[in-house]
Amino acid sequence: MEPTRETGSTEISSVRSRALAAASKILAQRGVDELSLRAIAENAGVGIASIYHYFANKDDLLVNLAILGFSDLHRHINVFQGKPEFTSPMQACARAYFDFAEKQPALFSLMFNERLLANHEALRDAENKVLLVYQAAVEKDPRIPPPQKANVALALWALGRGIAAIRSSYPDGIQPPEISAKLFAGISYLLNHPE
């Protein structure tokens, strides 16, 4: 099923936006298991029928929320690429990617939900667009031989997906801080290790 499309109506945009904002809030505070359409409708201040009018089902709403997450990640990467403390575009992109995962773990896990990705081409397309931005940054790094640049980008991206899976495996998606610290220290070492 493809994500719901905007029709230009202010009412539709408002109901959709309110529903997605409510879903985002519930996801961040209580996790995906508490994300029911009824809870979203109550939190958004709209009737459940309105939710069903604009989203075919819960998966449709989740896919739309995950697609918005990829848009947010794209913006996050752009912001980090403008920060002077990063010595390379690859370092900035990787830090943005993992910073996003750390600050929005539930959304990050939803974006990489295997079932949703396997069943929704629009979500795979949203991921691929951000992966291409990430790959472009990796390709600017002179330490990586040209034939390996795309491979390195994909490997780092997959590492992020793995982090999402690890986070999702803990109750409420809350990973012990010592595990997070080790993961990010290891990633930092891999990104900054001299040749």
Protein backbone atom coordinates (compact mmCIF):
# COMPACT_ATOMS: atom_id res chain seq x y z
CA MET A 1 0.00 0.00 0.00
CA GLU A 2 1.35 3.40 -0.92
CA PRO A 3 1.42 6.21 1.65
CA THR A 4 -1.55 8.55 1.81
CA ARG A 5 -1.17 11.56 -0.47
CA GLU A 6 -1.97 15.17 0.36
CA THR A 7 -4.81 16.60 -1.72
CA GLY A 8 -4.13 20.24 -1.01
CA SER A 9 -7.10 20.76 1.29
CA THR A 10 -6.27 22.67 4.47
CA GLU A 11 -8.61 20.39 6.43
CA ILE A 12 -6.94 17.23 5.14
CA SER A 13 -3.49 18.64 5.75
CA SER A 14 -4.50 19.68 9.26
CA VAL A 15 -6.04 16.30 10.18
CA ARG A 16 -3.12 14.39 8.65
CA SER A 17 -0.55 16.66 10.29
CA ARG A 18 -2.25 16.45 13.68
CA ALA A 19 -2.53 12.66 13.43
CA LEU A 20 1.13 12.28 12.44
CA ALA A 21 2.24 14.70 15.18
CA ALA A 22 0.21 12.76 17.75
CA ALA A 23 1.64 9.46 16.48
CA SER A 24 5.17 10.88 16.69
CA LYS A 25 4.60 12.02 20.27
CA ILE A 26 3.15 8.66 21.38
CA LEU A 27 5.95 6.79 19.61
CA ALA A 28 8.63 8.86 21.36
CA GLN A 29 7.02 8.67 24.79
CA ARG A 30 5.53 5.16 24.91
CA GLY A 31 6.90 3.16 21.98
CA VAL A 32 5.36 1.55 18.94
CA ASP A 33 3.34 -1.00 20.94
CA GLU A 34 1.23 1.80 22.43
CA LEU A 35 0.63 3.38 19.05
CA SER A 36 -3.02 2.54 18.39
CA LEU A 37 -5.21 4.52 16.01
CA ARG A 38 -7.60 5.20 18.89
CA ALA A 39 -4.77 6.66 21.02
CA ILE A 40 -3.60 8.74 18.06
CA ALA A 41 -7.12 10.07 17.44
CA GLU A 42 -7.55 10.99 21.11
CA ASN A 43 -4.14 12.66 21.28
CA ALA A 44 -4.78 14.57 18.03
CA GLY A 45 -8.24 15.67 19.14
CA VAL A 46 -9.98 14.12 16.14
CA GLY A 47 -12.46 11.30 15.75
CA ILE A 48 -11.27 7.79 14.96
CA ALA A 49 -13.31 7.96 11.74
CA SER A 50 -11.14 10.90 10.63
CA ILE A 51 -8.01 8.83 11.11
CA TYR A 52 -9.49 6.02 9.02
CA HIS A 53 -10.58 8.54 6.41
CA TYR A 54 -7.00 9.74 5.82
CA PHE A 55 -5.07 6.55 6.59
CA ALA A 56 -6.18 3.13 5.34
CA ASN A 57 -4.94 1.41 8.49
CA LYS A 58 -2.27 1.57 11.17
CA ASP A 59 0.46 0.43 8.76
CA ASP A 60 -0.41 3.25 6.37
CA LEU A 61 0.01 5.76 9.19
CA LEU A 62 3.26 4.12 10.36
CA VAL A 63 4.69 4.17 6.83
CA ASN A 64 3.86 7.87 6.50
CA LEU A 65 5.46 8.53 9.89
CA ALA A 66 8.60 6.58 8.89
CA ILE A 67 8.82 8.48 5.58
CA LEU A 68 8.68 11.75 7.54
CA GLY A 69 11.47 10.32 9.71
CA PHE A 70 13.66 9.85 6.63
CA SER A 71 12.96 13.47 5.63
CA ASP A 72 14.01 14.55 9.13
CA LEU A 73 17.17 12.44 8.89
CA HIS A 74 18.00 14.05 5.53
CA ARG A 75 17.69 17.52 7.11
CA HIS A 76 19.76 16.36 10.09
CA ILE A 77 22.54 15.21 7.76
CA ASN A 78 22.49 18.57 5.94
CA VAL A 79 22.79 20.45 9.26
CA PHE A 80 25.73 18.32 10.39
CA GLN A 81 27.54 18.78 7.06
CA GLY A 82 27.56 22.51 7.78
CA LYS A 83 29.25 22.11 11.17
CA PRO A 84 32.93 23.11 11.18
CA GLU A 85 34.01 20.57 13.83
CA PHE A 86 33.80 17.69 11.38
CA THR A 87 36.91 17.10 9.31
CA SER A 88 35.14 15.35 6.44
CA PRO A 89 31.66 15.06 4.94
CA MET A 90 31.70 11.34 5.75
CA GLN A 91 32.39 12.02 9.42
CA ALA A 92 29.62 14.65 9.53
CA CYS A 93 27.10 12.32 7.86
CA ALA A 94 27.94 9.38 10.08
CA ARG A 95 27.70 11.50 13.21
CA ALA A 96 24.34 12.92 12.02
CA TYR A 97 23.05 9.41 11.30
CA PHE A 98 24.05 8.03 14.69
CA ASP A 99 23.02 11.21 16.52
CA PHE A 100 19.55 10.84 15.01
CA ALA A 101 19.45 7.18 16.13
CA GLU A 102 20.50 8.16 19.63
CA LYS A 103 18.05 11.07 20.02
CA GLN A 104 15.03 9.46 18.35
CA PRO A 105 15.45 5.72 18.93
CA ALA A 106 11.78 4.75 18.52
CA LEU A 107 11.41 6.67 15.25
CA PHE A 108 14.76 5.34 13.99
CA SER A 109 13.65 1.78 14.72
CA LEU A 110 10.31 2.39 12.98
CA MET A 111 12.10 3.77 9.90
CA PHE A 112 14.07 0.53 9.62
CA ASN A 113 11.26 -1.83 10.56
CA GLU A 114 11.88 -4.91 8.43
CA ARG A 115 8.20 -5.74 7.92
CA LEU A 116 7.30 -2.22 6.84
CA LEU A 117 10.31 -1.94 4.53
CA ALA A 118 9.58 -5.32 2.95
CA ASN A 119 5.96 -4.42 2.22
CA HIS A 120 6.09 -0.73 1.25
CA GLU A 121 8.05 0.45 -1.77
CA ALA A 122 7.51 4.10 -0.84
CA LEU A 123 9.35 3.53 2.43
CA ARG A 124 12.24 1.76 0.66
CA ASP A 125 12.40 4.71 -1.77
CA ALA A 126 12.54 7.18 1.14
CA GLU A 127 15.40 5.23 2.70
CA ASN A 128 17.27 5.00 -0.61
CA LYS A 129 17.10 8.79 -1.15
CA VAL A 130 18.83 9.39 2.18
CA LEU A 131 21.30 6.57 1.55
CA LEU A 132 22.34 8.31 -1.70
CA VAL A 133 23.03 11.54 0.23
CA TYR A 134 25.06 9.52 2.72
CA GLN A 135 26.94 7.78 -0.10
CA ALA A 136 27.77 11.12 -1.74
CA ALA A 137 29.41 12.25 1.51
CA VAL A 138 31.42 9.03 1.82
CA GLU A 139 32.59 9.40 -1.80
CA LYS A 140 34.21 12.75 -0.89
CA ASP A 141 36.51 11.08 1.65
CA PRO A 142 40.00 10.78 0.11
CA ARG A 143 41.03 7.95 2.50
CA ILE A 144 38.71 5.50 0.77
CA PRO A 145 39.79 4.08 -2.60
CA PRO A 146 37.26 4.93 -5.36
CA PRO A 147 36.17 1.32 -6.01
CA GLN A 148 35.30 0.93 -2.30
CA LYS A 149 33.38 4.16 -1.68
CA ALA A 150 29.88 2.80 -2.41
CA ASN A 151 30.68 -0.35 -0.43
CA VAL A 152 31.85 1.63 2.60
CA ALA A 153 28.74 3.85 2.47
CA LEU A 154 26.45 0.82 2.38
CA ALA A 155 28.38 -0.92 5.17
CA LEU A 156 28.14 2.13 7.44
CA TRP A 157 24.45 2.48 6.60
CA ALA A 158 23.92 -1.20 7.47
CA LEU A 159 25.72 -0.62 10.76
CA GLY A 160 23.09 2.01 11.55
CA ARG A 161 20.34 -0.45 10.69
CA GLY A 162 21.99 -2.92 13.05
CA ILE A 163 21.96 -0.35 15.82
CA ALA A 164 18.24 0.14 15.20
CA ALA A 165 17.70 -3.61 15.53
CA ILE A 166 19.74 -3.76 18.75
CA ARG A 167 17.75 -0.88 20.26
CA SER A 168 14.47 -2.50 19.26
CA SER A 169 15.45 -5.72 21.02
CA TYR A 170 15.49 -4.04 24.45
CA PRO A 171 12.29 -3.44 26.45
CA ASP A 172 10.72 -0.15 25.34
CA GLY A 173 13.61 0.32 22.88
CA ILE A 174 15.84 1.60 25.70
CA GLN A 175 19.36 0.32 25.31
CA PRO A 176 21.66 0.31 28.37
CA PRO A 177 23.88 3.42 28.29
CA GLU A 178 27.08 1.35 28.47
CA ILE A 179 26.09 -0.53 25.29
CA SER A 180 25.34 2.76 23.50
CA ALA A 181 28.67 4.21 24.63
CA LYS A 182 30.59 1.17 23.33
CA LEU A 183 28.76 1.18 20.00
CA PHE A 184 29.35 4.86 19.36
CA ALA A 185 32.98 4.67 20.51
CA GLY A 186 33.56 1.78 18.10
CA ILE A 187 31.89 3.61 15.25
CA SER A 188 33.92 6.74 15.97
CA TYR A 189 37.12 4.70 15.91
CA LEU A 190 36.22 3.09 12.57
CA LEU A 191 35.39 6.46 11.01
CA ASN A 192 38.44 8.29 12.28
CA HIS A 193 41.05 5.52 12.25
CA PRO A 194 44.00 6.54 10.10
CA GLU A 195 44.96 4.38 7.14
